[in-house]
Amino acid sequence: QVQLVESGGGLVQPGGSLRLSCAASGNIFSIYAMGWYRQIPGKQRELVATITTGGSTRYAESAKGRFTISRDNAKNAVYLQMNNLDPEDTAVYYCKIVAGVQAYWGQGTQVTVSS
């Protein structure tokens, strides 16, 4: 059984920062990639950022220059530092881990950017 536990979401003012964390536990082996996605009600889930075991990163255009993804392989954890947040960043953020041929999703954490 694999569990992904996310934390760090919340309410922040425009221009503020948040750091999301996601830790995987259970029988999980050969993690290849970890990432963050987000979803607004009524819209499709979209990629925010991904990072491979080797450290290669990929960002959505909207995240470039403001968000930084990082990982701790020893802890099976992935992080998303979000700076200069905008109301358009308001969404439920999900972490995703790809291990072998399996993909695992977290339960989601709400990020609300509002004054």
PDB file of N, CA and C in Angstrom:
ATOM      1  N   GLN A   1       0.844  -1.189   0.000  1.00  0.00           N
ATOM      2  CA  GLN A   1       0.000   0.000   0.000  1.00  0.00           C
ATOM      3  C   GLN A   1       0.884   1.245   0.000  1.00  0.00           C
ATOM      4  N   VAL A   2       0.635   2.124  -0.924  1.00  0.00           N
ATOM      5  CA  VAL A   2       1.409   3.359  -1.043  1.00  0.00           C
ATOM      6  C   VAL A   2       0.527   4.540  -0.654  1.00  0.00           C
ATOM      7  N   GLN A   3       1.085   5.409   0.159  1.00  0.00           N
ATOM      8  CA  GLN A   3       0.351   6.615   0.560  1.00  0.00           C
ATOM      9  C   GLN A   3       1.179   7.846   0.258  1.00  0.00           C
ATOM     10  N   LEU A   4       0.519   8.867  -0.258  1.00  0.00           N
ATOM     11  CA  LEU A   4       1.149  10.157  -0.478  1.00  0.00           C
ATOM     12  C   LEU A   4       0.446  11.163   0.428  1.00  0.00           C
ATOM     13  N   VAL A   5       1.210  11.827   1.251  1.00  0.00           N
ATOM     14  CA  VAL A   5       0.641  12.803   2.174  1.00  0.00           C
ATOM     15  C   VAL A   5       1.160  14.182   1.802  1.00  0.00           C
ATOM     16  N   GLU A   6       0.219  15.060   1.495  1.00  0.00           N
ATOM     17  CA  GLU A   6       0.565  16.427   1.098  1.00  0.00           C
ATOM     18  C   GLU A   6       0.308  17.387   2.248  1.00  0.00           C
ATOM     19  N   SER A   7       1.053  18.471   2.251  1.00  0.00           N
ATOM     20  CA  SER A   7       0.830  19.514   3.245  1.00  0.00           C
ATOM     21  C   SER A   7       1.349  20.835   2.698  1.00  0.00           C
ATOM     22  N   GLY A   8       0.945  21.909   3.345  1.00  0.00           N
ATOM     23  CA  GLY A   8       1.487  23.219   2.997  1.00  0.00           C
ATOM     24  C   GLY A   8       0.536  24.158   2.293  1.00  0.00           C
ATOM     25  N   GLY A   9      -0.627  23.680   1.917  1.00  0.00           N
ATOM     26  CA  GLY A   9      -1.581  24.568   1.268  1.00  0.00           C
ATOM     27  C   GLY A   9      -2.189  25.551   2.255  1.00  0.00           C
ATOM     28  N   GLY A  10      -2.976  26.478   1.727  1.00  0.00           N
ATOM     29  CA  GLY A  10      -3.623  27.445   2.596  1.00  0.00           C
ATOM     30  C   GLY A  10      -4.017  28.700   1.858  1.00  0.00           C
ATOM     31  N   LEU A  11      -4.327  29.722   2.638  1.00  0.00           N
ATOM     32  CA  LEU A  11      -4.731  31.011   2.105  1.00  0.00           C
ATOM     33  C   LEU A  11      -3.548  31.970   2.179  1.00  0.00           C
ATOM     34  N   VAL A  12      -3.281  32.637   1.081  1.00  0.00           N
ATOM     35  CA  VAL A  12      -2.164  33.578   1.037  1.00  0.00           C
ATOM     36  C   VAL A  12      -2.570  34.779   0.201  1.00  0.00           C
ATOM     37  N   GLN A  13      -2.019  35.924   0.515  1.00  0.00           N
ATOM     38  CA  GLN A  13      -2.312  37.129  -0.251  1.00  0.00           C
ATOM     39  C   GLN A  13      -1.530  37.147  -1.560  1.00  0.00           C
ATOM     40  N   PRO A  14      -2.043  37.853  -2.545  1.00  0.00           N
ATOM     41  CA  PRO A  14      -1.278  37.985  -3.804  1.00  0.00           C
ATOM     42  C   PRO A  14       0.134  38.503  -3.527  1.00  0.00           C
ATOM     43  N   GLY A  15       1.100  37.889  -4.207  1.00  0.00           N
ATOM     44  CA  GLY A  15       2.494  38.231  -3.988  1.00  0.00           C
ATOM     45  C   GLY A  15       3.162  37.411  -2.906  1.00  0.00           C
ATOM     46  N   GLY A  16       2.374  36.656  -2.179  1.00  0.00           N
ATOM     47  CA  GLY A  16       2.919  35.851  -1.098  1.00  0.00           C
ATOM     48  C   GLY A  16       3.522  34.540  -1.575  1.00  0.00           C
ATOM     49  N   SER A  17       3.953  33.736  -0.606  1.00  0.00           N
ATOM     50  CA  SER A  17       4.628  32.472  -0.904  1.00  0.00           C
ATOM     51  C   SER A  17       4.028  31.331  -0.089  1.00  0.00           C
ATOM     52  N   LEU A  18       4.128  30.152  -0.654  1.00  0.00           N
ATOM     53  CA  LEU A  18       3.765  28.925   0.038  1.00  0.00           C
ATOM     54  C   LEU A  18       4.738  27.831  -0.371  1.00  0.00           C
ATOM     55  N   ARG A  19       4.915  26.872   0.499  1.00  0.00           N
ATOM     56  CA  ARG A  19       5.743  25.704   0.175  1.00  0.00           C
ATOM     57  C   ARG A  19       4.914  24.449   0.400  1.00  0.00           C
ATOM     58  N   LEU A  20       4.722  23.708  -0.672  1.00  0.00           N
ATOM     59  CA  LEU A  20       3.991  22.455  -0.594  1.00  0.00           C
ATOM     60  C   LEU A  20       4.965  21.301  -0.406  1.00  0.00           C
ATOM     61  N   SER A  21       4.537  20.324   0.375  1.00  0.00           N
ATOM     62  CA  SER A  21       5.346  19.137   0.598  1.00  0.00           C
ATOM     63  C   SER A  21       4.509  17.893   0.324  1.00  0.00           C
ATOM     64  N   CYS A  22       5.185  16.849  -0.132  1.00  0.00           N
ATOM     65  CA  CYS A  22       4.510  15.575  -0.392  1.00  0.00           C
ATOM     66  C   CYS A  22       5.497  14.469  -0.059  1.00  0.00           C
ATOM     67  N   ALA A  23       5.088  13.569   0.805  1.00  0.00           N
ATOM     68  CA  ALA A  23       5.939  12.457   1.191  1.00  0.00           C
ATOM     69  C   ALA A  23       5.228  11.144   0.897  1.00  0.00           C
ATOM     70  N   ALA A  24       5.965  10.232   0.304  1.00  0.00           N
ATOM     71  CA  ALA A  24       5.417   8.920  -0.028  1.00  0.00           C
ATOM     72  C   ALA A  24       5.876   7.900   0.995  1.00  0.00           C
ATOM     73  N   SER A  25       4.972   7.007   1.351  1.00  0.00           N
ATOM     74  CA  SER A  25       5.315   5.930   2.269  1.00  0.00           C
ATOM     75  C   SER A  25       4.681   4.639   1.776  1.00  0.00           C
ATOM     76  N   GLY A  26       5.194   3.518   2.303  1.00  0.00           N
ATOM     77  CA  GLY A  26       4.661   2.232   1.900  1.00  0.00           C
ATOM     78  C   GLY A  26       5.621   1.505   0.983  1.00  0.00           C
ATOM     79  N   ASN A  27       5.102   0.490   0.319  1.00  0.00           N
ATOM     80  CA  ASN A  27       5.933  -0.326  -0.559  1.00  0.00           C
ATOM     81  C   ASN A  27       6.083   0.365  -1.915  1.00  0.00           C
ATOM     82  N   ILE A  28       7.012   1.278  -1.960  1.00  0.00           N
ATOM     83  CA  ILE A  28       7.225   2.018  -3.196  1.00  0.00           C
ATOM     84  C   ILE A  28       8.692   1.897  -3.586  1.00  0.00           C
ATOM     85  N   PHE A  29       8.916   1.491  -4.816  1.00  0.00           N
ATOM     86  CA  PHE A  29      10.267   1.245  -5.284  1.00  0.00           C
ATOM     87  C   PHE A  29      10.482   1.896  -6.637  1.00  0.00           C
ATOM     88  N   SER A  30      11.720   2.156  -6.909  1.00  0.00           N
ATOM     89  CA  SER A  30      12.129   2.649  -8.224  1.00  0.00           C
ATOM     90  C   SER A  30      11.338   3.873  -8.652  1.00  0.00           C
ATOM     91  N   ILE A  31      11.310   4.863  -7.770  1.00  0.00           N
ATOM     92  CA  ILE A  31      10.655   6.110  -8.149  1.00  0.00           C
ATOM     93  C   ILE A  31      11.442   6.751  -9.280  1.00  0.00           C
ATOM     94  N   TYR A  32      10.726   7.117 -10.322  1.00  0.00           N
ATOM     95  CA  TYR A  32      11.376   7.765 -11.465  1.00  0.00           C
ATOM     96  C   TYR A  32      11.141   9.262 -11.440  1.00  0.00           C
ATOM     97  N   ALA A  33       9.889   9.628 -11.404  1.00  0.00           N
ATOM     98  CA  ALA A  33       9.563  11.048 -11.484  1.00  0.00           C
ATOM     99  C   ALA A  33       8.564  11.419 -10.404  1.00  0.00           C
ATOM    100  N   MET A  34       8.652  12.663  -9.989  1.00  0.00           N
ATOM    101  CA  MET A  34       7.710  13.211  -9.014  1.00  0.00           C
ATOM    102  C   MET A  34       7.268  14.563  -9.545  1.00  0.00           C
ATOM    103  N   GLY A  35       6.059  14.940  -9.205  1.00  0.00           N
ATOM    104  CA  GLY A  35       5.601  16.211  -9.743  1.00  0.00           C
ATOM    105  C   GLY A  35       4.399  16.775  -9.028  1.00  0.00           C
ATOM    106  N   TRP A  36       4.056  17.970  -9.433  1.00  0.00           N
ATOM    107  CA  TRP A  36       2.892  18.672  -8.915  1.00  0.00           C
ATOM    108  C   TRP A  36       1.977  19.058 -10.073  1.00  0.00           C
ATOM    109  N   TYR A  37       0.696  18.869  -9.837  1.00  0.00           N
ATOM    110  CA  TYR A  37      -0.345  19.240 -10.778  1.00  0.00           C
ATOM    111  C   TYR A  37      -1.380  20.052 -10.023  1.00  0.00           C
ATOM    112  N   ARG A  38      -2.219  20.764 -10.754  1.00  0.00           N
ATOM    113  CA  ARG A  38      -3.278  21.509 -10.087  1.00  0.00           C
ATOM    114  C   ARG A  38      -4.561  21.441 -10.896  1.00  0.00           C
ATOM    115  N   GLN A  39      -5.652  21.658 -10.183  1.00  0.00           N
ATOM    116  CA  GLN A  39      -6.956  21.578 -10.834  1.00  0.00           C
ATOM    117  C   GLN A  39      -7.887  22.620 -10.272  1.00  0.00           C
ATOM    118  N   ILE A  40      -8.526  23.338 -11.181  1.00  0.00           N
ATOM    119  CA  ILE A  40      -9.561  24.306 -10.841  1.00  0.00           C
ATOM    120  C   ILE A  40     -10.899  23.643 -11.129  1.00  0.00           C
ATOM    121  N   PRO A  41     -11.897  23.853 -10.279  1.00  0.00           N
ATOM    122  CA  PRO A  41     -13.203  23.224 -10.530  1.00  0.00           C
ATOM    123  C   PRO A  41     -13.701  23.499 -11.942  1.00  0.00           C
ATOM    124  N   GLY A  42     -14.110  22.422 -12.615  1.00  0.00           N
ATOM    125  CA  GLY A  42     -14.630  22.555 -13.969  1.00  0.00           C
ATOM    126  C   GLY A  42     -13.581  22.508 -15.047  1.00  0.00           C
ATOM    127  N   LYS A  43     -12.322  22.418 -14.637  1.00  0.00           N
ATOM    128  CA  LYS A  43     -11.237  22.375 -15.619  1.00  0.00           C
ATOM    129  C   LYS A  43     -10.415  21.110 -15.438  1.00  0.00           C
ATOM    130  N   GLN A  44      -9.636  20.788 -16.457  1.00  0.00           N
ATOM    131  CA  GLN A  44      -8.784  19.602 -16.400  1.00  0.00           C
ATOM    132  C   GLN A  44      -7.590  19.843 -15.483  1.00  0.00           C
ATOM    133  N   ARG A  45      -7.112  18.759 -14.897  1.00  0.00           N
ATOM    134  CA  ARG A  45      -5.905  18.840 -14.098  1.00  0.00           C
ATOM    135  C   ARG A  45      -4.736  19.174 -15.017  1.00  0.00           C
ATOM    136  N   GLU A  46      -3.877  20.079 -14.571  1.00  0.00           N
ATOM    137  CA  GLU A  46      -2.765  20.502 -15.425  1.00  0.00           C
ATOM    138  C   GLU A  46      -1.441  20.378 -14.691  1.00  0.00           C
ATOM    139  N   LEU A  47      -0.408  20.160 -15.471  1.00  0.00           N
ATOM    140  CA  LEU A  47       0.933  20.037 -14.926  1.00  0.00           C
ATOM    141  C   LEU A  47       1.414  21.388 -14.414  1.00  0.00           C
ATOM    142  N   VAL A  48       2.079  21.353 -13.269  1.00  0.00           N
ATOM    143  CA  VAL A  48       2.735  22.548 -12.741  1.00  0.00           C
ATOM    144  C   VAL A  48       4.245  22.392 -12.886  1.00  0.00           C
ATOM    145  N   ALA A  49       4.767  21.276 -12.361  1.00  0.00           N
ATOM    146  CA  ALA A  49       6.204  21.037 -12.428  1.00  0.00           C
ATOM    147  C   ALA A  49       6.483  19.575 -12.152  1.00  0.00           C
ATOM    148  N   THR A  50       7.543  19.052 -12.770  1.00  0.00           N
ATOM    149  CA  THR A  50       7.974  17.689 -12.508  1.00  0.00           C
ATOM    150  C   THR A  50       9.483  17.660 -12.318  1.00  0.00           C
ATOM    151  N   ILE A  51       9.952  16.611 -11.663  1.00  0.00           N
ATOM    152  CA  ILE A  51      11.387  16.431 -11.449  1.00  0.00           C
ATOM    153  C   ILE A  51      11.689  14.942 -11.465  1.00  0.00           C
ATOM    154  N   THR A  52      12.764  14.571 -12.157  1.00  0.00           N
ATOM    155  CA  THR A  52      13.153  13.176 -12.217  1.00  0.00           C
ATOM    156  C   THR A  52      14.154  12.846 -11.104  1.00  0.00           C
ATOM    157  N   THR A  53      14.444  11.566 -10.980  1.00  0.00           N
ATOM    158  CA  THR A  53      15.417  11.131  -9.976  1.00  0.00           C
ATOM    159  C   THR A  53      16.758  11.829 -10.176  1.00  0.00           C
ATOM    160  N   GLY A  54      17.101  12.055 -11.420  1.00  0.00           N
ATOM    161  CA  GLY A  54      18.366  12.697 -11.727  1.00  0.00           C
ATOM    162  C   GLY A  54      18.363  14.201 -11.556  1.00  0.00           C
ATOM    163  N   GLY A  55      17.182  14.753 -11.258  1.00  0.00           N
ATOM    164  CA  GLY A  55      17.107  16.187 -11.020  1.00  0.00           C
ATOM    165  C   GLY A  55      16.656  17.028 -12.191  1.00  0.00           C
ATOM    166  N   SER A  56      16.316  16.401 -13.296  1.00  0.00           N
ATOM    167  CA  SER A  56      15.816  17.169 -14.440  1.00  0.00           C
ATOM    168  C   SER A  56      14.424  17.692 -14.125  1.00  0.00           C
ATOM    169  N   THR A  57      14.207  18.953 -14.411  1.00  0.00           N
ATOM    170  CA  THR A  57      12.935  19.584 -14.078  1.00  0.00           C
ATOM    171  C   THR A  57      12.212  20.065 -15.330  1.00  0.00           C
ATOM    172  N   ARG A  58      10.901  20.184 -15.168  1.00  0.00           N
ATOM    173  CA  ARG A  58      10.053  20.706 -16.230  1.00  0.00           C
ATOM    174  C   ARG A  58       8.979  21.550 -15.561  1.00  0.00           C
ATOM    175  N   TYR A  59       8.705  22.722 -16.139  1.00  0.00           N
ATOM    176  CA  TYR A  59       7.715  23.620 -15.544  1.00  0.00           C
ATOM    177  C   TYR A  59       6.681  24.052 -16.575  1.00  0.00           C
ATOM    178  N   ALA A  60       5.473  24.267 -16.107  1.00  0.00           N
ATOM    179  CA  ALA A  60       4.483  24.936 -16.935  1.00  0.00           C
ATOM    180  C   ALA A  60       4.935  26.374 -17.138  1.00  0.00           C
ATOM    181  N   GLU A  61       4.537  26.964 -18.260  1.00  0.00           N
ATOM    182  CA  GLU A  61       4.940  28.346 -18.535  1.00  0.00           C
ATOM    183  C   GLU A  61       4.521  29.275 -17.397  1.00  0.00           C
ATOM    184  N   SER A  62       3.360  29.045 -16.840  1.00  0.00           N
ATOM    185  CA  SER A  62       2.850  29.918 -15.780  1.00  0.00           C
ATOM    186  C   SER A  62       3.665  29.812 -14.500  1.00  0.00           C
ATOM    187  N   ALA A  63       4.434  28.719 -14.365  1.00  0.00           N
ATOM    188  CA  ALA A  63       5.198  28.491 -13.139  1.00  0.00           C
ATOM    189  C   ALA A  63       6.657  28.948 -13.257  1.00  0.00           C
ATOM    190  N   LYS A  64       7.122  29.073 -14.453  1.00  0.00           N
ATOM    191  CA  LYS A  64       8.534  29.421 -14.663  1.00  0.00           C
ATOM    192  C   LYS A  64       8.875  30.760 -14.016  1.00  0.00           C
ATOM    193  N   GLY A  65       9.980  30.749 -13.281  1.00  0.00           N
ATOM    194  CA  GLY A  65      10.443  31.978 -12.643  1.00  0.00           C
ATOM    195  C   GLY A  65       9.796  32.269 -11.302  1.00  0.00           C
ATOM    196  N   ARG A  66       8.727  31.552 -10.973  1.00  0.00           N
ATOM    197  CA  ARG A  66       8.044  31.792  -9.694  1.00  0.00           C
ATOM    198  C   ARG A  66       8.044  30.554  -8.798  1.00  0.00           C
ATOM    199  N   PHE A  67       7.961  29.381  -9.396  1.00  0.00           N
ATOM    200  CA  PHE A  67       7.879  28.137  -8.629  1.00  0.00           C
ATOM    201  C   PHE A  67       9.178  27.356  -8.779  1.00  0.00           C
ATOM    202  N   THR A  68       9.542  26.631  -7.737  1.00  0.00           N
ATOM    203  CA  THR A  68      10.716  25.768  -7.781  1.00  0.00           C
ATOM    204  C   THR A  68      10.358  24.410  -7.204  1.00  0.00           C
ATOM    205  N   ILE A  69      10.597  23.374  -7.983  1.00  0.00           N
ATOM    206  CA  ILE A  69      10.343  22.016  -7.518  1.00  0.00           C
ATOM    207  C   ILE A  69      11.662  21.411  -7.057  1.00  0.00           C
ATOM    208  N   SER A  70      11.593  20.631  -5.983  1.00  0.00           N
ATOM    209  CA  SER A  70      12.783  19.949  -5.491  1.00  0.00           C
ATOM    210  C   SER A  70      12.347  18.616  -4.888  1.00  0.00           C
ATOM    211  N   ARG A  71      13.309  17.761  -4.620  1.00  0.00           N
ATOM    212  CA  ARG A  71      12.984  16.458  -4.075  1.00  0.00           C
ATOM    213  C   ARG A  71      14.056  15.993  -3.125  1.00  0.00           C
ATOM    214  N   ASP A  72      13.666  15.108  -2.237  1.00  0.00           N
ATOM    215  CA  ASP A  72      14.595  14.446  -1.320  1.00  0.00           C
ATOM    216  C   ASP A  72      14.422  12.951  -1.558  1.00  0.00           C
ATOM    217  N   ASN A  73      15.343  12.371  -2.297  1.00  0.00           N
ATOM    218  CA  ASN A  73      15.207  10.961  -2.669  1.00  0.00           C
ATOM    219  C   ASN A  73      15.228  10.049  -1.450  1.00  0.00           C
ATOM    220  N   ALA A  74      15.998  10.413  -0.442  1.00  0.00           N
ATOM    221  CA  ALA A  74      16.090   9.576   0.751  1.00  0.00           C
ATOM    222  C   ALA A  74      14.761   9.523   1.508  1.00  0.00           C
ATOM    223  N   LYS A  75      13.986  10.586   1.396  1.00  0.00           N
ATOM    224  CA  LYS A  75      12.704  10.655   2.096  1.00  0.00           C
ATOM    225  C   LYS A  75      11.522  10.376   1.183  1.00  0.00           C
ATOM    226  N   ASN A  76      11.798  10.090  -0.078  1.00  0.00           N
ATOM    227  CA  ASN A  76      10.706   9.929  -1.059  1.00  0.00           C
ATOM    228  C   ASN A  76       9.751  11.121  -0.993  1.00  0.00           C
ATOM    229  N   ALA A  77      10.329  12.300  -0.974  1.00  0.00           N
ATOM    230  CA  ALA A  77       9.533  13.511  -0.822  1.00  0.00           C
ATOM    231  C   ALA A  77       9.797  14.481  -1.964  1.00  0.00           C
ATOM    232  N   VAL A  78       8.773  15.246  -2.281  1.00  0.00           N
ATOM    233  CA  VAL A  78       8.880  16.277  -3.306  1.00  0.00           C
ATOM    234  C   VAL A  78       8.270  17.556  -2.749  1.00  0.00           C
ATOM    235  N   TYR A  79       8.843  18.675  -3.140  1.00  0.00           N
ATOM    236  CA  TYR A  79       8.433  19.968  -2.612  1.00  0.00           C
ATOM    237  C   TYR A  79       8.158  20.936  -3.763  1.00  0.00           C
ATOM    238  N   LEU A  80       7.326  21.915  -3.494  1.00  0.00           N
ATOM    239  CA  LEU A  80       7.067  22.963  -4.469  1.00  0.00           C
ATOM    240  C   LEU A  80       7.073  24.299  -3.741  1.00  0.00           C
ATOM    241  N   GLN A  81       8.110  25.086  -3.990  1.00  0.00           N
ATOM    242  CA  GLN A  81       8.192  26.437  -3.446  1.00  0.00           C
ATOM    243  C   GLN A  81       7.511  27.376  -4.427  1.00  0.00           C
ATOM    244  N   MET A  82       6.491  28.056  -3.961  1.00  0.00           N
ATOM    245  CA  MET A  82       5.722  28.951  -4.827  1.00  0.00           C
ATOM    246  C   MET A  82       5.865  30.376  -4.318  1.00  0.00           C
ATOM    247  N   ASN A  83       6.407  31.227  -5.161  1.00  0.00           N
ATOM    248  CA  ASN A  83       6.611  32.636  -4.821  1.00  0.00           C
ATOM    249  C   ASN A  83       5.788  33.524  -5.736  1.00  0.00           C
ATOM    250  N   ASN A  84       5.588  34.740  -5.290  1.00  0.00           N
ATOM    251  CA  ASN A  84       4.854  35.724  -6.075  1.00  0.00           C
ATOM    252  C   ASN A  84       3.520  35.152  -6.578  1.00  0.00           C
ATOM    253  N   LEU A  85       2.780  34.605  -5.671  1.00  0.00           N
ATOM    254  CA  LEU A  85       1.525  33.952  -6.032  1.00  0.00           C
ATOM    255  C   LEU A  85       0.496  34.945  -6.526  1.00  0.00           C
ATOM    256  N   ASP A  86      -0.315  34.476  -7.443  1.00  0.00           N
ATOM    257  CA  ASP A  86      -1.347  35.268  -8.112  1.00  0.00           C
ATOM    258  C   ASP A  86      -2.698  34.595  -7.880  1.00  0.00           C
ATOM    259  N   PRO A  87      -3.782  35.365  -7.854  1.00  0.00           N
ATOM    260  CA  PRO A  87      -5.098  34.726  -7.700  1.00  0.00           C
ATOM    261  C   PRO A  87      -5.366  33.605  -8.712  1.00  0.00           C
ATOM    262  N   GLU A  88      -4.755  33.697  -9.886  1.00  0.00           N
ATOM    263  CA  GLU A  88      -4.952  32.642 -10.884  1.00  0.00           C
ATOM    264  C   GLU A  88      -4.260  31.339 -10.493  1.00  0.00           C
ATOM    265  N   ASP A  89      -3.438  31.376  -9.461  1.00  0.00           N
ATOM    266  CA  ASP A  89      -2.821  30.148  -8.956  1.00  0.00           C
ATOM    267  C   ASP A  89      -3.740  29.390  -8.012  1.00  0.00           C
ATOM    268  N   THR A  90      -4.882  29.954  -7.691  1.00  0.00           N
ATOM    269  CA  THR A  90      -5.833  29.295  -6.806  1.00  0.00           C
ATOM    270  C   THR A  90      -6.317  27.994  -7.432  1.00  0.00           C
ATOM    271  N   ALA A  91      -6.144  26.900  -6.705  1.00  0.00           N
ATOM    272  CA  ALA A  91      -6.498  25.576  -7.222  1.00  0.00           C
ATOM    273  C   ALA A  91      -6.236  24.546  -6.132  1.00  0.00           C
ATOM    274  N   VAL A  92      -6.650  23.323  -6.405  1.00  0.00           N
ATOM    275  CA  VAL A  92      -6.222  22.193  -5.588  1.00  0.00           C
ATOM    276  C   VAL A  92      -4.960  21.632  -6.226  1.00  0.00           C
ATOM    277  N   TYR A  93      -3.926  21.509  -5.435  1.00  0.00           N
ATOM    278  CA  TYR A  93      -2.642  21.026  -5.919  1.00  0.00           C
ATOM    279  C   TYR A  93      -2.452  19.565  -5.504  1.00  0.00           C
ATOM    280  N   TYR A  94      -2.058  18.757  -6.478  1.00  0.00           N
ATOM    281  CA  TYR A  94      -1.865  17.335  -6.265  1.00  0.00           C
ATOM    282  C   TYR A  94      -0.419  16.952  -6.550  1.00  0.00           C
ATOM    283  N   CYS A  95       0.145  16.096  -5.729  1.00  0.00           N
ATOM    284  CA  CYS A  95       1.446  15.548  -6.077  1.00  0.00           C
ATOM    285  C   CYS A  95       1.235  14.185  -6.745  1.00  0.00           C
ATOM    286  N   LYS A  96       2.187  13.847  -7.580  1.00  0.00           N
ATOM    287  CA  LYS A  96       2.137  12.597  -8.335  1.00  0.00           C
ATOM    288  C   LYS A  96       3.523  11.971  -8.315  1.00  0.00           C
ATOM    289  N   ILE A  97       3.543  10.665  -8.106  1.00  0.00           N
ATOM    290  CA  ILE A  97       4.804   9.926  -8.130  1.00  0.00           C
ATOM    291  C   ILE A  97       4.683   8.790  -9.126  1.00  0.00           C
ATOM    292  N   VAL A  98       5.683   8.666  -9.967  1.00  0.00           N
ATOM    293  CA  VAL A  98       5.737   7.572 -10.927  1.00  0.00           C
ATOM    294  C   VAL A  98       6.835   6.620 -10.460  1.00  0.00           C
ATOM    295  N   ALA A  99       6.421   5.399 -10.179  1.00  0.00           N
ATOM    296  CA  ALA A  99       7.359   4.377  -9.706  1.00  0.00           C
ATOM    297  C   ALA A  99       7.138   3.125 -10.543  1.00  0.00           C
ATOM    298  N   GLY A 100       8.152   2.742 -11.293  1.00  0.00           N
ATOM    299  CA  GLY A 100       7.976   1.616 -12.198  1.00  0.00           C
ATOM    300  C   GLY A 100       6.910   1.958 -13.225  1.00  0.00           C
ATOM    301  N   VAL A 101       5.884   1.145 -13.284  1.00  0.00           N
ATOM    302  CA  VAL A 101       4.788   1.397 -14.224  1.00  0.00           C
ATOM    303  C   VAL A 101       3.557   1.966 -13.523  1.00  0.00           C
ATOM    304  N   GLN A 102       3.707   2.290 -12.264  1.00  0.00           N
ATOM    305  CA  GLN A 102       2.582   2.784 -11.481  1.00  0.00           C
ATOM    306  C   GLN A 102       2.690   4.293 -11.258  1.00  0.00           C
ATOM    307  N   ALA A 103       1.530   4.930 -11.244  1.00  0.00           N
ATOM    308  CA  ALA A 103       1.459   6.345 -10.893  1.00  0.00           C
ATOM    309  C   ALA A 103       0.568   6.479  -9.670  1.00  0.00           C
ATOM    310  N   TYR A 104       1.034   7.253  -8.711  1.00  0.00           N
ATOM    311  CA  TYR A 104       0.297   7.452  -7.473  1.00  0.00           C
ATOM    312  C   TYR A 104       0.022   8.932  -7.295  1.00  0.00           C
ATOM    313  N   TRP A 105      -1.172   9.231  -6.784  1.00  0.00           N
ATOM    314  CA  TRP A 105      -1.592  10.613  -6.583  1.00  0.00           C
ATOM    315  C   TRP A 105      -1.854  10.882  -5.105  1.00  0.00           C
ATOM    316  N   GLY A 106      -1.556  12.088  -4.688  1.00  0.00           N
ATOM    317  CA  GLY A 106      -1.932  12.522  -3.356  1.00  0.00           C
ATOM    318  C   GLY A 106      -3.394  12.931  -3.325  1.00  0.00           C
ATOM    319  N   GLN A 107      -3.858  13.297  -2.136  1.00  0.00           N
ATOM    320  CA  GLN A 107      -5.269  13.620  -1.959  1.00  0.00           C
ATOM    321  C   GLN A 107      -5.584  15.059  -2.344  1.00  0.00           C
ATOM    322  N   GLY A 108      -4.570  15.857  -2.532  1.00  0.00           N
ATOM    323  CA  GLY A 108      -4.763  17.247  -2.929  1.00  0.00           C
ATOM    324  C   GLY A 108      -4.726  18.187  -1.745  1.00  0.00           C
ATOM    325  N   THR A 109      -4.200  19.372  -1.981  1.00  0.00           N
ATOM    326  CA  THR A 109      -4.183  20.407  -0.956  1.00  0.00           C
ATOM    327  C   THR A 109      -4.618  21.729  -1.599  1.00  0.00           C
ATOM    328  N   GLN A 110      -5.512  22.421  -0.927  1.00  0.00           N
ATOM    329  CA  GLN A 110      -6.086  23.638  -1.483  1.00  0.00           C
ATOM    330  C   GLN A 110      -5.124  24.809  -1.304  1.00  0.00           C
ATOM    331  N   VAL A 111      -4.908  25.532  -2.386  1.00  0.00           N
ATOM    332  CA  VAL A 111      -4.157  26.785  -2.353  1.00  0.00           C
ATOM    333  C   VAL A 111      -5.099  27.889  -2.812  1.00  0.00           C
ATOM    334  N   THR A 112      -5.281  28.886  -1.971  1.00  0.00           N
ATOM    335  CA  THR A 112      -6.146  30.008  -2.299  1.00  0.00           C
ATOM    336  C   THR A 112      -5.341  31.293  -2.192  1.00  0.00           C
ATOM    337  N   VAL A 113      -5.323  32.039  -3.282  1.00  0.00           N
ATOM    338  CA  VAL A 113      -4.599  33.308  -3.315  1.00  0.00           C
ATOM    339  C   VAL A 113      -5.634  34.421  -3.421  1.00  0.00           C
ATOM    340  N   SER A 114      -5.762  35.173  -2.359  1.00  0.00           N
ATOM    341  CA  SER A 114      -6.803  36.192  -2.315  1.00  0.00           C
ATOM    342  C   SER A 114      -6.443  37.252  -1.288  1.00  0.00           C
ATOM    343  N   SER A 115      -6.860  38.470  -1.574  1.00  0.00           N
ATOM    344  CA  SER A 115      -6.667  39.550  -0.605  1.00  0.00           C
ATOM    345  C   SER A 115      -7.905  39.715   0.264  1.00  0.00           C
TER     346      SER A 115
END
